[in-house]
Amino acid sequence: MLIELEESQLVLVDYQARLMPAMFEQAAVVANAVRLAQWAALLEVPVFYTEQYPSGLGATVPELAPALQSANARLLSKMQFSAVEEGLGEWLRPPAKPVQGNARSLPKHLQKPAASERGMVVIAGCEAHVCLLQTALNLLEDEFDVWVVTDACTSRTERNRDAAFDRLAGAGAELVTTEMVGFEWLRSAEHPAFKEMQALIK
């Protein structure tokens, strides 16, 4: 199963200034998070990002700010480790609006179809074994298809990060890389954004 562009949303978890310096391979991880946000902006994929206890752990790292801004990303500040416990699920799958007027009485073929749901969540962040893991497991429980971008995730130790990946894969999440996401969103070298996205890889 490939990631579908029109069904995707991107969630970036807790890339925060006071947290990242202690993270394993943090420079490469942040660079991949930036790339994901840039691609999402280019392809109009909705982007959400979280900050855990921002007064203690600081704001999101400045390297990510321009990409988040160009993607019109929405920020969720949280105290719970799982962003779903703080309302992320409702942001990703807004409650259906009640049908207005007499639309309910129309025959089915004349009723307006509901807006297509974006049920695929591409997620990356840290710490992989805490906030990322708990958020992703809750999203799976809420019946989202979850794609964990392994080279944009980290923990303080490699062992904790890898244990999170093992557990997520066992729970039904798909483990992917940044480039897998980008090229599956594109699908073809003929896509109008191909050259611009390719330039962001180099």
N, C-alpha and C. Protein backbone atom coordinates (compact mmCIF):
# COMPACT_ATOMS: atom_id res chain seq x y z
N MET A 1 0.84 -1.19 0.00
CA MET A 1 0.00 0.00 0.00
C MET A 1 0.88 1.25 0.00
N LEU A 2 0.59 2.16 -0.91
CA LEU A 2 1.37 3.39 -1.01
C LEU A 2 0.66 4.54 -0.30
N ILE A 3 1.42 5.54 0.09
CA ILE A 3 0.84 6.72 0.73
C ILE A 3 0.15 7.56 -0.35
N GLU A 4 -1.08 7.93 -0.10
CA GLU A 4 -1.87 8.72 -1.05
C GLU A 4 -1.77 10.20 -0.70
N LEU A 5 -1.36 11.01 -1.65
CA LEU A 5 -1.20 12.45 -1.41
C LEU A 5 -2.50 13.08 -0.91
N GLU A 6 -3.60 12.81 -1.60
CA GLU A 6 -4.87 13.48 -1.28
C GLU A 6 -5.46 13.02 0.05
N GLU A 7 -4.95 11.92 0.60
CA GLU A 7 -5.48 11.41 1.87
C GLU A 7 -4.53 11.68 3.04
N SER A 8 -3.40 12.35 2.77
CA SER A 8 -2.36 12.51 3.80
C SER A 8 -2.49 13.78 4.62
N GLN A 9 -2.04 13.65 5.87
CA GLN A 9 -1.79 14.79 6.75
C GLN A 9 -0.44 14.52 7.41
N LEU A 10 0.28 15.60 7.72
CA LEU A 10 1.61 15.46 8.33
C LEU A 10 1.57 15.98 9.76
N VAL A 11 2.10 15.16 10.69
CA VAL A 11 2.19 15.56 12.10
C VAL A 11 3.66 15.51 12.53
N LEU A 12 4.17 16.61 13.03
CA LEU A 12 5.56 16.70 13.51
C LEU A 12 5.53 16.93 15.02
N VAL A 13 6.17 16.02 15.75
CA VAL A 13 6.02 15.96 17.20
C VAL A 13 7.27 16.48 17.93
N ASP A 14 7.13 17.59 18.62
CA ASP A 14 8.07 18.05 19.65
C ASP A 14 9.54 18.21 19.23
N TYR A 15 9.77 18.89 18.11
CA TYR A 15 11.15 19.23 17.72
C TYR A 15 11.52 20.53 18.44
N GLN A 16 11.80 20.44 19.73
CA GLN A 16 11.92 21.65 20.55
C GLN A 16 13.36 22.00 20.92
N ALA A 17 13.58 23.29 21.09
CA ALA A 17 14.94 23.84 21.25
C ALA A 17 15.71 23.24 22.42
N ARG A 18 15.04 23.01 23.56
CA ARG A 18 15.77 22.50 24.73
C ARG A 18 15.82 20.98 24.75
N LEU A 19 15.11 20.35 23.83
CA LEU A 19 15.06 18.90 23.77
C LEU A 19 16.06 18.35 22.74
N MET A 20 16.14 19.00 21.59
CA MET A 20 16.89 18.44 20.46
C MET A 20 18.39 18.25 20.71
N PRO A 21 19.08 19.14 21.43
CA PRO A 21 20.53 18.94 21.59
C PRO A 21 20.90 17.59 22.21
N ALA A 22 20.00 17.01 23.02
CA ALA A 22 20.30 15.73 23.68
C ALA A 22 19.91 14.52 22.83
N MET A 23 19.33 14.76 21.65
CA MET A 23 18.79 13.66 20.84
C MET A 23 19.85 13.00 19.95
N PHE A 24 19.71 11.71 19.74
CA PHE A 24 20.59 10.92 18.88
C PHE A 24 20.42 11.38 17.43
N GLU A 25 21.53 11.67 16.75
CA GLU A 25 21.54 12.09 15.34
C GLU A 25 20.58 13.25 15.07
N GLN A 26 20.54 14.20 15.98
CA GLN A 26 19.52 15.26 15.90
C GLN A 26 19.62 16.14 14.66
N ALA A 27 20.81 16.41 14.17
CA ALA A 27 20.94 17.30 13.00
C ALA A 27 20.28 16.68 11.76
N ALA A 28 20.54 15.40 11.51
CA ALA A 28 19.94 14.71 10.35
C ALA A 28 18.42 14.60 10.51
N VAL A 29 17.97 14.34 11.73
CA VAL A 29 16.54 14.19 12.01
C VAL A 29 15.81 15.51 11.75
N VAL A 30 16.37 16.61 12.23
CA VAL A 30 15.75 17.92 12.01
C VAL A 30 15.74 18.26 10.51
N ALA A 31 16.83 17.96 9.82
CA ALA A 31 16.90 18.23 8.37
C ALA A 31 15.80 17.48 7.63
N ASN A 32 15.52 16.24 8.04
CA ASN A 32 14.45 15.47 7.40
C ASN A 32 13.07 16.00 7.76
N ALA A 33 12.90 16.48 8.98
CA ALA A 33 11.63 17.09 9.37
C ALA A 33 11.37 18.35 8.54
N VAL A 34 12.42 19.14 8.33
CA VAL A 34 12.31 20.35 7.49
C VAL A 34 11.88 19.96 6.08
N ARG A 35 12.52 18.93 5.53
CA ARG A 35 12.19 18.45 4.18
C ARG A 35 10.72 18.03 4.09
N LEU A 36 10.26 17.27 5.07
CA LEU A 36 8.85 16.83 5.08
C LEU A 36 7.90 18.02 5.07
N ALA A 37 8.20 19.02 5.90
CA ALA A 37 7.33 20.20 5.98
C ALA A 37 7.38 21.00 4.67
N GLN A 38 8.56 21.10 4.07
CA GLN A 38 8.69 21.81 2.79
C GLN A 38 7.88 21.11 1.69
N TRP A 39 7.99 19.78 1.63
CA TRP A 39 7.24 19.02 0.63
C TRP A 39 5.75 19.15 0.86
N ALA A 40 5.34 19.08 2.13
CA ALA A 40 3.92 19.20 2.46
C ALA A 40 3.39 20.56 2.01
N ALA A 41 4.18 21.61 2.24
CA ALA A 41 3.78 22.96 1.81
C ALA A 41 3.62 23.01 0.30
N LEU A 42 4.57 22.42 -0.41
CA LEU A 42 4.57 22.42 -1.88
C LEU A 42 3.36 21.68 -2.44
N LEU A 43 2.98 20.60 -1.78
CA LEU A 43 1.91 19.72 -2.29
C LEU A 43 0.57 19.94 -1.58
N GLU A 44 0.53 20.96 -0.71
CA GLU A 44 -0.71 21.33 -0.01
C GLU A 44 -1.25 20.20 0.88
N VAL A 45 -0.33 19.53 1.55
CA VAL A 45 -0.70 18.54 2.56
C VAL A 45 -0.86 19.28 3.89
N PRO A 46 -1.98 19.11 4.60
CA PRO A 46 -2.14 19.79 5.90
C PRO A 46 -1.05 19.36 6.89
N VAL A 47 -0.53 20.35 7.64
CA VAL A 47 0.56 20.08 8.58
C VAL A 47 0.16 20.54 9.98
N PHE A 48 0.46 19.68 10.96
CA PHE A 48 0.23 19.99 12.38
C PHE A 48 1.54 19.71 13.11
N TYR A 49 1.84 20.53 14.11
CA TYR A 49 3.04 20.25 14.91
C TYR A 49 2.73 20.48 16.37
N THR A 50 3.48 19.79 17.23
CA THR A 50 3.21 19.86 18.66
C THR A 50 4.44 20.35 19.42
N GLU A 51 4.15 20.89 20.59
CA GLU A 51 5.21 21.28 21.54
C GLU A 51 4.80 20.78 22.91
N GLN A 52 5.67 19.98 23.52
CA GLN A 52 5.43 19.43 24.85
C GLN A 52 5.95 20.41 25.90
N TYR A 53 5.06 20.85 26.81
CA TYR A 53 5.46 21.71 27.93
C TYR A 53 6.42 22.81 27.44
N PRO A 54 5.94 23.68 26.51
CA PRO A 54 6.84 24.65 25.87
C PRO A 54 7.53 25.62 26.83
N SER A 55 6.90 25.92 27.97
CA SER A 55 7.57 26.84 28.91
C SER A 55 8.82 26.19 29.51
N GLY A 56 8.87 24.85 29.53
CA GLY A 56 10.05 24.16 30.05
C GLY A 56 11.00 23.70 28.95
N LEU A 57 10.44 23.21 27.83
CA LEU A 57 11.27 22.62 26.78
C LEU A 57 11.51 23.56 25.60
N GLY A 58 10.93 24.75 25.66
CA GLY A 58 11.17 25.75 24.62
C GLY A 58 10.29 25.56 23.40
N ALA A 59 10.40 26.50 22.49
CA ALA A 59 9.62 26.46 21.25
C ALA A 59 10.28 25.51 20.25
N THR A 60 9.61 25.27 19.14
CA THR A 60 10.14 24.45 18.06
C THR A 60 11.45 25.06 17.54
N VAL A 61 12.40 24.21 17.17
CA VAL A 61 13.71 24.68 16.71
C VAL A 61 13.54 25.65 15.53
N PRO A 62 14.36 26.72 15.49
CA PRO A 62 14.20 27.73 14.45
C PRO A 62 14.39 27.20 13.03
N GLU A 63 15.17 26.12 12.85
CA GLU A 63 15.38 25.58 11.50
C GLU A 63 14.07 25.16 10.83
N LEU A 64 13.09 24.76 11.66
CA LEU A 64 11.82 24.28 11.13
C LEU A 64 10.83 25.41 10.83
N ALA A 65 11.04 26.56 11.45
CA ALA A 65 10.04 27.64 11.40
C ALA A 65 9.63 28.07 9.99
N PRO A 66 10.57 28.34 9.05
CA PRO A 66 10.14 28.80 7.73
C PRO A 66 9.26 27.79 7.00
N ALA A 67 9.61 26.50 7.09
CA ALA A 67 8.83 25.46 6.41
C ALA A 67 7.44 25.34 7.03
N LEU A 68 7.37 25.42 8.36
CA LEU A 68 6.07 25.34 9.03
C LEU A 68 5.19 26.53 8.65
N GLN A 69 5.83 27.68 8.56
CA GLN A 69 5.08 28.89 8.19
C GLN A 69 4.55 28.78 6.76
N SER A 70 5.36 28.32 5.83
CA SER A 70 4.91 28.23 4.44
C SER A 70 3.84 27.15 4.28
N ALA A 71 3.81 26.18 5.19
CA ALA A 71 2.79 25.13 5.14
C ALA A 71 1.52 25.52 5.89
N ASN A 72 1.50 26.74 6.48
CA ASN A 72 0.37 27.16 7.33
C ASN A 72 0.08 26.12 8.41
N ALA A 73 1.15 25.62 9.02
CA ALA A 73 1.03 24.55 10.01
C ALA A 73 0.32 25.05 11.26
N ARG A 74 -0.42 24.15 11.88
CA ARG A 74 -1.18 24.48 13.09
C ARG A 74 -0.48 23.87 14.31
N LEU A 75 -0.28 24.69 15.33
CA LEU A 75 0.46 24.28 16.54
C LEU A 75 -0.47 23.80 17.64
N LEU A 76 -0.14 22.64 18.23
CA LEU A 76 -0.83 22.14 19.41
C LEU A 76 0.17 22.09 20.56
N SER A 77 -0.04 22.94 21.57
CA SER A 77 0.78 22.88 22.78
C SER A 77 0.14 21.86 23.71
N LYS A 78 0.98 21.07 24.40
CA LYS A 78 0.41 19.99 25.20
C LYS A 78 1.21 19.73 26.47
N MET A 79 0.54 19.07 27.40
CA MET A 79 1.20 18.57 28.60
C MET A 79 1.17 17.03 28.62
N GLN A 80 0.08 16.45 28.05
CA GLN A 80 0.01 14.99 27.91
C GLN A 80 1.07 14.55 26.91
N PHE A 81 1.62 13.37 27.10
CA PHE A 81 2.62 12.87 26.15
C PHE A 81 1.97 12.58 24.79
N SER A 82 0.76 12.04 24.79
CA SER A 82 0.05 11.80 23.54
C SER A 82 -0.70 13.05 23.12
N ALA A 83 -0.43 13.52 21.90
CA ALA A 83 -1.14 14.70 21.39
C ALA A 83 -2.62 14.40 21.17
N VAL A 84 -2.96 13.12 21.00
CA VAL A 84 -4.36 12.75 20.80
C VAL A 84 -5.16 13.04 22.06
N GLU A 85 -4.52 12.87 23.21
CA GLU A 85 -5.19 13.17 24.49
C GLU A 85 -5.48 14.67 24.64
N GLU A 86 -4.82 15.49 23.83
CA GLU A 86 -5.01 16.95 23.89
C GLU A 86 -5.84 17.47 22.71
N GLY A 87 -6.43 16.55 21.93
CA GLY A 87 -7.35 16.98 20.88
C GLY A 87 -6.84 16.88 19.45
N LEU A 88 -5.66 16.29 19.23
CA LEU A 88 -5.14 16.19 17.87
C LEU A 88 -6.08 15.41 16.95
N GLY A 89 -6.69 14.36 17.47
CA GLY A 89 -7.60 13.55 16.65
C GLY A 89 -8.73 14.36 16.04
N GLU A 90 -9.27 15.29 16.84
CA GLU A 90 -10.36 16.15 16.35
C GLU A 90 -9.86 17.12 15.27
N TRP A 91 -8.60 17.53 15.37
CA TRP A 91 -8.02 18.40 14.33
C TRP A 91 -7.84 17.62 13.03
N LEU A 92 -7.42 16.36 13.15
CA LEU A 92 -7.15 15.54 11.98
C LEU A 92 -8.44 15.03 11.33
N ARG A 93 -9.46 14.82 12.16
CA ARG A 93 -10.74 14.33 11.66
C ARG A 93 -11.85 15.15 12.31
N PRO A 94 -12.08 16.37 11.77
CA PRO A 94 -13.09 17.25 12.38
C PRO A 94 -14.46 16.58 12.39
N PRO A 95 -15.27 16.84 13.44
CA PRO A 95 -16.61 16.25 13.47
C PRO A 95 -17.42 16.69 12.25
N ALA A 96 -18.24 15.79 11.74
CA ALA A 96 -19.07 16.12 10.57
C ALA A 96 -20.04 17.24 10.90
N LYS A 97 -20.20 18.18 9.96
CA LYS A 97 -21.15 19.28 10.16
C LYS A 97 -22.56 18.75 9.95
N PRO A 98 -23.52 19.21 10.78
CA PRO A 98 -24.89 18.75 10.56
C PRO A 98 -25.40 19.21 9.20
N VAL A 99 -26.23 18.39 8.58
CA VAL A 99 -26.79 18.73 7.27
C VAL A 99 -27.76 19.90 7.43
N GLN A 100 -27.62 20.90 6.56
CA GLN A 100 -28.45 22.11 6.65
C GLN A 100 -29.72 21.97 5.82
N GLY A 101 -30.78 22.61 6.27
CA GLY A 101 -32.01 22.73 5.47
C GLY A 101 -32.65 21.40 5.17
N ASN A 102 -33.14 21.26 3.94
CA ASN A 102 -33.88 20.07 3.54
C ASN A 102 -33.01 19.01 2.88
N ALA A 103 -31.68 19.18 2.96
CA ALA A 103 -30.79 18.27 2.23
C ALA A 103 -31.02 16.81 2.61
N ARG A 104 -31.42 16.56 3.88
CA ARG A 104 -31.63 15.20 4.34
C ARG A 104 -32.74 14.50 3.56
N SER A 105 -33.70 15.27 3.09
CA SER A 105 -34.85 14.66 2.41
C SER A 105 -34.58 14.41 0.92
N LEU A 106 -33.43 14.89 0.43
CA LEU A 106 -33.11 14.67 -0.98
C LEU A 106 -32.74 13.20 -1.22
N PRO A 107 -33.02 12.69 -2.41
CA PRO A 107 -32.53 11.33 -2.73
C PRO A 107 -31.01 11.30 -2.63
N LYS A 108 -30.47 10.13 -2.29
CA LYS A 108 -29.03 10.00 -2.06
C LYS A 108 -28.18 10.55 -3.20
N HIS A 109 -28.58 10.29 -4.46
CA HIS A 109 -27.75 10.70 -5.60
C HIS A 109 -27.73 12.22 -5.78
N LEU A 110 -28.65 12.94 -5.11
CA LEU A 110 -28.65 14.41 -5.21
C LEU A 110 -27.99 15.08 -4.01
N GLN A 111 -27.74 14.31 -2.96
CA GLN A 111 -27.09 14.88 -1.79
C GLN A 111 -25.62 15.14 -2.09
N LYS A 112 -25.09 16.24 -1.52
CA LYS A 112 -23.67 16.56 -1.74
C LYS A 112 -22.83 15.54 -0.98
N PRO A 113 -21.80 15.00 -1.65
CA PRO A 113 -20.94 14.06 -0.93
C PRO A 113 -20.18 14.77 0.18
N ALA A 114 -19.90 14.05 1.26
CA ALA A 114 -19.10 14.63 2.35
C ALA A 114 -17.70 14.89 1.84
N ALA A 115 -17.05 15.90 2.44
CA ALA A 115 -15.66 16.20 2.05
C ALA A 115 -14.82 14.95 2.28
N SER A 116 -13.91 14.66 1.34
CA SER A 116 -13.13 13.43 1.46
C SER A 116 -12.24 13.52 2.69
N GLU A 117 -12.22 12.43 3.44
CA GLU A 117 -11.48 12.40 4.70
C GLU A 117 -10.02 12.08 4.43
N ARG A 118 -9.14 12.77 5.14
CA ARG A 118 -7.71 12.47 5.05
C ARG A 118 -7.37 11.53 6.20
N GLY A 119 -7.41 10.24 5.91
CA GLY A 119 -7.23 9.25 6.97
C GLY A 119 -5.83 8.71 7.12
N MET A 120 -4.89 9.21 6.29
CA MET A 120 -3.49 8.76 6.40
C MET A 120 -2.68 9.82 7.15
N VAL A 121 -2.06 9.42 8.23
CA VAL A 121 -1.25 10.35 9.01
C VAL A 121 0.22 9.96 8.89
N VAL A 122 1.00 10.87 8.31
CA VAL A 122 2.45 10.72 8.23
C VAL A 122 3.00 11.44 9.46
N ILE A 123 3.71 10.72 10.31
CA ILE A 123 4.12 11.30 11.60
C ILE A 123 5.61 11.08 11.85
N ALA A 124 6.23 12.09 12.46
CA ALA A 124 7.65 12.01 12.82
C ALA A 124 7.86 12.87 14.05
N GLY A 125 8.95 12.61 14.78
CA GLY A 125 9.23 13.47 15.93
C GLY A 125 10.02 12.79 17.01
N CYS A 126 9.94 13.38 18.21
CA CYS A 126 10.69 12.85 19.33
C CYS A 126 9.96 13.14 20.64
N GLU A 127 10.28 12.53 21.74
CA GLU A 127 11.12 11.36 21.70
C GLU A 127 10.30 10.21 21.13
N ALA A 128 10.96 9.41 20.29
CA ALA A 128 10.25 8.35 19.57
C ALA A 128 9.54 7.37 20.51
N HIS A 129 10.17 7.08 21.66
CA HIS A 129 9.60 6.07 22.56
C HIS A 129 8.62 6.65 23.58
N VAL A 130 8.41 7.97 23.52
CA VAL A 130 7.48 8.59 24.49
C VAL A 130 6.36 9.30 23.72
N CYS A 131 6.54 10.57 23.39
CA CYS A 131 5.45 11.35 22.79
C CYS A 131 5.06 10.87 21.40
N LEU A 132 6.04 10.55 20.58
CA LEU A 132 5.73 10.05 19.24
C LEU A 132 4.98 8.71 19.34
N LEU A 133 5.52 7.79 20.14
CA LEU A 133 4.93 6.46 20.28
C LEU A 133 3.48 6.55 20.78
N GLN A 134 3.27 7.30 21.86
CA GLN A 134 1.94 7.36 22.45
C GLN A 134 0.94 8.03 21.51
N THR A 135 1.38 9.07 20.80
CA THR A 135 0.51 9.74 19.84
C THR A 135 0.15 8.78 18.70
N ALA A 136 1.15 8.09 18.15
CA ALA A 136 0.91 7.19 17.02
C ALA A 136 0.02 6.02 17.42
N LEU A 137 0.23 5.46 18.61
CA LEU A 137 -0.61 4.34 19.06
C LEU A 137 -2.07 4.79 19.23
N ASN A 138 -2.26 5.99 19.77
CA ASN A 138 -3.62 6.51 19.90
C ASN A 138 -4.27 6.76 18.54
N LEU A 139 -3.48 7.23 17.57
CA LEU A 139 -4.02 7.44 16.22
C LEU A 139 -4.44 6.12 15.59
N LEU A 140 -3.64 5.08 15.78
CA LEU A 140 -4.00 3.74 15.29
C LEU A 140 -5.30 3.27 15.94
N GLU A 141 -5.41 3.52 17.23
CA GLU A 141 -6.62 3.13 17.98
C GLU A 141 -7.85 3.87 17.43
N ASP A 142 -7.63 5.10 16.97
CA ASP A 142 -8.72 5.90 16.38
C ASP A 142 -8.92 5.61 14.89
N GLU A 143 -8.29 4.55 14.40
CA GLU A 143 -8.49 4.04 13.04
C GLU A 143 -7.95 4.94 11.94
N PHE A 144 -6.87 5.65 12.23
CA PHE A 144 -6.10 6.32 11.18
C PHE A 144 -5.08 5.31 10.65
N ASP A 145 -4.68 5.46 9.38
CA ASP A 145 -3.52 4.74 8.86
C ASP A 145 -2.30 5.57 9.21
N VAL A 146 -1.35 4.99 9.90
CA VAL A 146 -0.22 5.74 10.45
C VAL A 146 1.08 5.31 9.78
N TRP A 147 1.83 6.32 9.29
CA TRP A 147 3.11 6.10 8.61
C TRP A 147 4.18 6.84 9.42
N VAL A 148 5.08 6.09 10.05
CA VAL A 148 6.11 6.67 10.91
C VAL A 148 7.39 6.86 10.09
N VAL A 149 7.86 8.11 10.01
CA VAL A 149 9.03 8.43 9.18
C VAL A 149 10.28 8.23 10.03
N THR A 150 10.90 7.07 9.89
CA THR A 150 11.95 6.65 10.82
C THR A 150 13.16 7.58 10.84
N ASP A 151 13.58 8.09 9.67
CA ASP A 151 14.79 8.93 9.65
C ASP A 151 14.50 10.38 10.05
N ALA A 152 13.25 10.65 10.45
CA ALA A 152 12.91 11.97 11.00
C ALA A 152 12.44 11.83 12.45
N CYS A 153 12.75 10.67 13.06
CA CYS A 153 12.39 10.40 14.46
C CYS A 153 13.67 10.15 15.26
N THR A 154 13.63 10.47 16.53
CA THR A 154 14.79 10.18 17.37
C THR A 154 14.39 10.14 18.85
N SER A 155 15.32 9.61 19.65
CA SER A 155 15.23 9.62 21.11
C SER A 155 16.63 9.97 21.62
N ARG A 156 16.76 10.05 22.93
CA ARG A 156 18.11 10.33 23.46
C ARG A 156 19.05 9.17 23.15
N THR A 157 18.51 7.95 23.12
CA THR A 157 19.37 6.80 22.80
C THR A 157 18.80 6.04 21.61
N GLU A 158 19.70 5.41 20.87
CA GLU A 158 19.33 4.62 19.71
C GLU A 158 18.44 3.44 20.13
N ARG A 159 18.75 2.85 21.30
CA ARG A 159 17.98 1.69 21.77
C ARG A 159 16.52 2.06 22.01
N ASN A 160 16.28 3.20 22.65
CA ASN A 160 14.90 3.64 22.89
C ASN A 160 14.17 3.91 21.58
N ARG A 161 14.86 4.56 20.64
CA ARG A 161 14.26 4.85 19.34
C ARG A 161 13.86 3.57 18.62
N ASP A 162 14.79 2.60 18.58
CA ASP A 162 14.53 1.36 17.86
C ASP A 162 13.43 0.53 18.52
N ALA A 163 13.38 0.57 19.86
CA ALA A 163 12.31 -0.15 20.58
C ALA A 163 10.95 0.44 20.21
N ALA A 164 10.91 1.75 20.03
CA ALA A 164 9.65 2.41 19.62
C ALA A 164 9.24 1.93 18.24
N PHE A 165 10.21 1.84 17.31
CA PHE A 165 9.89 1.38 15.95
C PHE A 165 9.35 -0.05 15.97
N ASP A 166 9.98 -0.93 16.77
CA ASP A 166 9.53 -2.32 16.87
C ASP A 166 8.09 -2.37 17.36
N ARG A 167 7.81 -1.59 18.38
CA ARG A 167 6.46 -1.62 18.97
C ARG A 167 5.43 -1.04 18.01
N LEU A 168 5.78 0.04 17.31
CA LEU A 168 4.86 0.66 16.36
C LEU A 168 4.56 -0.26 15.19
N ALA A 169 5.60 -0.93 14.67
CA ALA A 169 5.40 -1.87 13.57
C ALA A 169 4.48 -3.01 14.01
N GLY A 170 4.69 -3.49 15.22
CA GLY A 170 3.85 -4.57 15.75
C GLY A 170 2.40 -4.15 15.93
N ALA A 171 2.19 -2.86 16.17
CA ALA A 171 0.83 -2.34 16.39
C ALA A 171 0.12 -2.00 15.08
N GLY A 172 0.86 -2.05 13.95
CA GLY A 172 0.21 -1.81 12.67
C GLY A 172 0.62 -0.54 11.95
N ALA A 173 1.57 0.21 12.50
CA ALA A 173 2.07 1.40 11.79
C ALA A 173 3.02 0.95 10.68
N GLU A 174 3.07 1.73 9.61
CA GLU A 174 4.02 1.47 8.52
C GLU A 174 5.27 2.29 8.79
N LEU A 175 6.44 1.67 8.71
CA LEU A 175 7.70 2.38 8.91
C LEU A 175 8.27 2.77 7.56
N VAL A 176 8.52 4.06 7.37
CA VAL A 176 8.99 4.58 6.08
C VAL A 176 10.14 5.55 6.31
N THR A 177 10.72 6.05 5.21
CA THR A 177 11.75 7.08 5.30
C THR A 177 11.22 8.36 4.65
N THR A 178 11.93 9.45 4.87
CA THR A 178 11.54 10.74 4.30
C THR A 178 11.38 10.66 2.79
N GLU A 179 12.35 10.06 2.12
CA GLU A 179 12.28 10.00 0.66
C GLU A 179 11.14 9.10 0.18
N MET A 180 10.84 8.03 0.91
CA MET A 180 9.68 7.21 0.55
C MET A 180 8.42 8.07 0.54
N VAL A 181 8.24 8.87 1.57
CA VAL A 181 7.05 9.72 1.67
C VAL A 181 6.99 10.67 0.46
N GLY A 182 8.09 11.37 0.21
CA GLY A 182 8.10 12.36 -0.88
C GLY A 182 7.79 11.75 -2.23
N PHE A 183 8.43 10.62 -2.54
CA PHE A 183 8.23 10.02 -3.86
C PHE A 183 6.88 9.32 -3.99
N GLU A 184 6.32 8.85 -2.87
CA GLU A 184 4.97 8.27 -2.94
C GLU A 184 3.92 9.38 -3.08
N TRP A 185 4.17 10.53 -2.46
CA TRP A 185 3.27 11.66 -2.68
C TRP A 185 3.29 12.08 -4.16
N LEU A 186 4.45 12.05 -4.78
CA LEU A 186 4.60 12.48 -6.18
C LEU A 186 4.10 11.45 -7.19
N ARG A 187 4.55 10.20 -7.00
CA ARG A 187 4.22 9.06 -7.86
C ARG A 187 4.87 9.09 -9.24
N SER A 188 5.22 10.26 -9.78
CA SER A 188 5.72 10.31 -11.16
C SER A 188 6.71 11.45 -11.34
N ALA A 189 7.71 11.21 -12.19
CA ALA A 189 8.66 12.28 -12.54
C ALA A 189 7.98 13.35 -13.38
N GLU A 190 6.77 13.08 -13.82
CA GLU A 190 6.02 14.07 -14.60
C GLU A 190 5.19 15.00 -13.71
N HIS A 191 5.18 14.73 -12.40
CA HIS A 191 4.43 15.60 -11.48
C HIS A 191 4.99 17.02 -11.57
N PRO A 192 4.12 18.05 -11.62
CA PRO A 192 4.60 19.44 -11.75
C PRO A 192 5.59 19.87 -10.66
N ALA A 193 5.51 19.24 -9.47
CA ALA A 193 6.40 19.63 -8.37
C ALA A 193 7.67 18.79 -8.30
N PHE A 194 7.86 17.87 -9.25
CA PHE A 194 8.98 16.92 -9.15
C PHE A 194 10.33 17.62 -9.04
N LYS A 195 10.61 18.56 -9.94
CA LYS A 195 11.94 19.18 -9.94
C LYS A 195 12.19 19.98 -8.67
N GLU A 196 11.15 20.68 -8.22
CA GLU A 196 11.28 21.49 -7.00
C GLU A 196 11.52 20.58 -5.79
N MET A 197 10.81 19.46 -5.72
CA MET A 197 11.00 18.53 -4.60
C MET A 197 12.35 17.85 -4.68
N GLN A 198 12.78 17.49 -5.89
CA GLN A 198 14.08 16.86 -6.06
C GLN A 198 15.20 17.77 -5.58
N ALA A 199 15.04 19.06 -5.85
CA ALA A 199 16.05 20.04 -5.42
C ALA A 199 16.19 20.09 -3.90
N LEU A 200 15.10 19.78 -3.18
CA LEU A 200 15.14 19.82 -1.73
C LEU A 200 15.79 18.56 -1.13
N ILE A 201 16.00 17.54 -1.96
CA ILE A 201 16.67 16.33 -1.48
C ILE A 201 18.19 16.52 -1.48
N LYS A 202 18.67 17.26 -2.48
CA LYS A 202 20.13 17.36 -2.67
C LYS A 202 20.78 18.27 -1.64
